[in-house]
Protein backbone atom coordinates (compact mmCIF):
# COMPACT_ATOMS: atom_id res chain seq x y z
CA MET A 1 -166.62 -108.06 89.69
CA ALA A 2 -168.13 -109.89 87.20
CA TRP A 3 -168.52 -106.93 84.53
CA MET A 4 -164.95 -106.83 84.53
CA ALA A 5 -164.10 -110.18 82.91
CA GLY A 6 -164.45 -109.18 79.27
CA ASN A 7 -162.21 -106.31 80.06
CA VAL A 8 -159.39 -108.56 81.63
CA LEU A 9 -159.39 -110.97 79.03
CA ARG A 10 -159.52 -108.71 76.35
CA ASN A 11 -156.23 -107.35 77.59
CA VAL A 12 -154.54 -110.48 78.12
CA LEU A 13 -155.23 -111.21 75.06
CA SER A 14 -154.32 -108.48 73.08
CA ARG A 15 -150.63 -107.09 72.39
CA PRO A 16 -149.52 -104.69 74.73
CA ALA A 17 -150.27 -100.47 74.77
CA THR A 18 -146.35 -99.71 74.51
CA ARG A 19 -143.64 -99.96 72.47
CA PRO A 20 -140.72 -102.75 74.24
CA TYR A 21 -138.14 -100.30 74.01
CA PRO A 22 -134.72 -102.01 74.03
CA GLN A 23 -135.45 -104.00 71.86
CA GLN A 24 -138.24 -101.97 69.34
CA PRO A 25 -136.02 -98.54 69.28
CA ARG A 26 -138.31 -95.49 67.74
CA GLU A 27 -137.98 -94.18 65.05
CA VAL A 28 -136.74 -90.69 64.50
CA TYR A 29 -138.61 -88.73 62.73
CA PRO A 30 -137.57 -85.95 59.95
CA GLY A 31 -136.53 -82.59 61.14
CA VAL A 32 -135.73 -83.77 64.41
CA ARG A 33 -133.60 -81.34 67.00
CA GLY A 34 -130.84 -84.21 67.80
CA ARG A 35 -127.44 -84.67 69.22
CA LEU A 36 -125.19 -81.67 68.08
CA ALA A 37 -121.88 -82.44 65.91
CA PHE A 38 -118.91 -80.24 66.33
CA ILE A 39 -116.61 -79.58 63.24
CA PRO A 40 -113.51 -78.13 64.86
CA GLU A 41 -111.61 -77.70 60.84
CA LYS A 42 -114.74 -75.13 60.33
CA CYS A 43 -114.70 -73.05 63.42
CA GLU A 44 -112.94 -69.91 63.79
CA PHE A 45 -113.45 -69.33 67.54
CA CYS A 46 -116.04 -65.85 67.28
CA GLY A 47 -118.45 -66.81 70.48
CA GLU A 48 -121.66 -66.92 68.60
CA CYS A 49 -122.56 -70.01 69.56
CA GLU A 50 -121.32 -69.32 73.50
CA ARG A 51 -123.37 -65.88 73.28
CA VAL A 52 -126.73 -67.47 72.14
CA CYS A 53 -127.10 -70.84 73.94
CA PRO A 54 -129.90 -69.96 76.96
CA SER A 55 -128.48 -73.03 78.94
CA ASN A 56 -124.71 -71.88 78.92
CA ALA A 57 -124.18 -75.68 77.44
CA ILE A 58 -121.22 -74.00 75.11
CA VAL A 59 -118.31 -72.29 76.69
CA LEU A 60 -114.96 -70.98 74.77
CA ASP A 61 -112.01 -70.95 76.51
CA THR A 62 -108.03 -71.12 76.49
CA ILE A 63 -106.14 -73.71 78.48
CA TRP A 64 -102.13 -73.88 78.36
CA GLU A 65 -100.71 -76.88 77.03
CA LYS A 66 -96.95 -77.88 77.88
CA SER A 67 -95.39 -79.41 74.37
CA GLY A 68 -91.77 -79.99 75.13
CA ASP A 69 -90.30 -76.98 76.92
CA ARG A 70 -92.99 -74.99 75.51
CA ILE A 71 -96.17 -73.58 76.86
CA GLU A 72 -98.81 -72.65 74.10
CA THR A 73 -102.34 -71.35 74.34
CA VAL A 74 -104.85 -73.59 73.68
CA TRP A 75 -108.42 -72.93 72.59
CA VAL A 76 -110.92 -75.00 73.43
CA ARG A 77 -114.80 -75.44 72.89
CA ILE A 78 -116.60 -77.06 75.80
CA TYR A 79 -120.00 -78.70 75.30
CA LYS A 80 -122.40 -80.06 78.44
CA PRO A 81 -124.90 -82.37 76.76
CA MET A 82 -126.64 -82.36 80.27
CA LEU A 83 -127.15 -78.94 80.58
CA CYS A 84 -128.29 -78.41 76.76
CA VAL A 85 -131.99 -77.84 75.34
CA PHE A 86 -131.66 -79.06 72.12
CA CYS A 87 -132.87 -75.34 70.89
CA ASN A 88 -130.56 -75.47 68.08
CA ARG A 89 -129.77 -71.63 68.19
CA CYS A 90 -126.05 -72.09 68.05
CA VAL A 91 -126.61 -74.04 64.72
CA GLU A 92 -128.31 -71.39 63.34
CA GLU A 93 -126.13 -68.23 64.49
CA CYS A 94 -122.95 -70.23 63.29
CA ALA A 95 -121.90 -68.40 60.76
CA TYR A 96 -119.39 -70.79 59.41
CA ALA A 97 -121.22 -74.14 59.97
CA ALA A 98 -118.92 -75.36 62.40
CA ILE A 99 -121.85 -77.26 64.65
CA LEU A 100 -124.38 -79.09 63.06
CA SER A 101 -127.57 -80.79 64.76
CA GLU A 102 -127.83 -84.64 64.13
CA GLU A 103 -130.99 -86.83 63.72
CA GLY A 104 -131.01 -88.87 66.72
CA HIS A 105 -130.88 -88.97 70.73
CA LEU A 106 -128.22 -88.46 72.95
CA ALA A 107 -128.40 -91.88 75.15
CA PRO A 108 -129.24 -92.51 78.55
CA ARG A 109 -125.83 -91.65 80.36
CA TYR A 110 -125.10 -91.98 84.37
CA VAL A 111 -122.20 -89.33 84.55
CA LYS A 112 -122.47 -85.58 83.05
CA ASP A 113 -119.80 -85.68 80.90
CA GLU A 114 -118.29 -82.63 78.66
CA GLU A 115 -117.24 -83.38 75.19
CA TYR A 116 -114.22 -81.02 75.04
CA GLY A 117 -113.26 -79.46 71.24
CA ARG A 118 -109.90 -78.67 70.29
CA VAL A 119 -109.84 -75.50 68.00
CA ASP A 120 -106.50 -75.26 66.31
CA CYS A 121 -105.29 -71.62 65.59
CA TRP A 122 -105.80 -70.26 62.29
């Protein structure tokens, strides 16, 4: 026990080995694969992002929307961030630059939500 006293004293008087996370977040390194940003004005609804996504986190679909007494078809891009593995294949394959990778990560979440992005018809 006496041989551990030096080690214990050194640990008590030194700084912690880990970062105090909520007070001091980690800096984002350049070139990191971060959260995805969707730009609906540039999207041509070609389906290339849905085709190359290995985890099926991006789904292109049509829904029916009622406006007044008319029913119209609306194009929707559904993004499921909890399924995304941040491989950036969708960013690389999008010929219209409608999907961008932002620097930074998603904040921790308690629910598995989905992001819906409406794509206006050309």
